[in-house]
Amino acid sequence: MIASLLAFLAATALLAFSPGPDNIYVLTQSIANGSKSGLATTAGLITGCIVHTTLVAFGLSAIIAASPYLFLAIKIVGAIYLLYLAYKVFKSDSTINLAEGAPKKTYLELFKQGVLMNILNPKVTIFFLAFFPGFLWNPEGNTVFQFYVLGLLFMVESFLIFGSIAVVAGKISHILRTSEKAGVVLKWLQIIVFIGIAIFVLSDY
């Protein structure tokens, strides 16, 4: 159990630091309107994860209870999806575009927008389906509980990392704007993370 959770925390940390639409949006809001705007956006994005965690917890738990072979099939499909994400990153441009400005909104508006951005993005549920099953420490036990533990850890760690990005957005944005190598390094970090998680999902740890 401990080994599985530690591996999950390490993978989540790498994912949170990898440049994606969510943390880039948080970064943009922080640069344009201050750290508090970035934190409000982060709180909304993380809150939306509760919905995806619930869908995955109850949906996959029923499948796991019905057939271990179906569960294995889901893990294989999940690993393939993660490899597909790695390929998409590989084909993408390594530059990171940060908007010079972002519309000024109240903290509540930013929170609501973050929640909706997360809930209405089906790719988040698909990613959770691909990501979470490989870190269950006892597939024959209470999987609903295990999925919620993973979801809670994911949300807490992601909030801390996204919040840190919001607080130090000025310094981070300067590095990303002025260093061509930063984009390349972050791009390959994301590729390695996706491939590594795909391998872990299929392994018998």
Foldseek 3Di string as FASTA:
>chain_A
DVVLVVVLLVLLLLVLPFDDPQLLVLLLCCQAPNLLLSLLLLLLQLVLLVVLLQCLLVVVLVVLVVDVVVLLVLQLVLLVVLLVVLVVLVPDDLADDHDPHDDDDDSNVSSNVSNCVNNVDVVSSSNLSSQVQLSQPDSVDNSSVVSVVSSVSSSVSSSVSSSVCSNPSVVVVVCSVPDPVVSVVSSVSSSCSSNVSSVSSNDDD
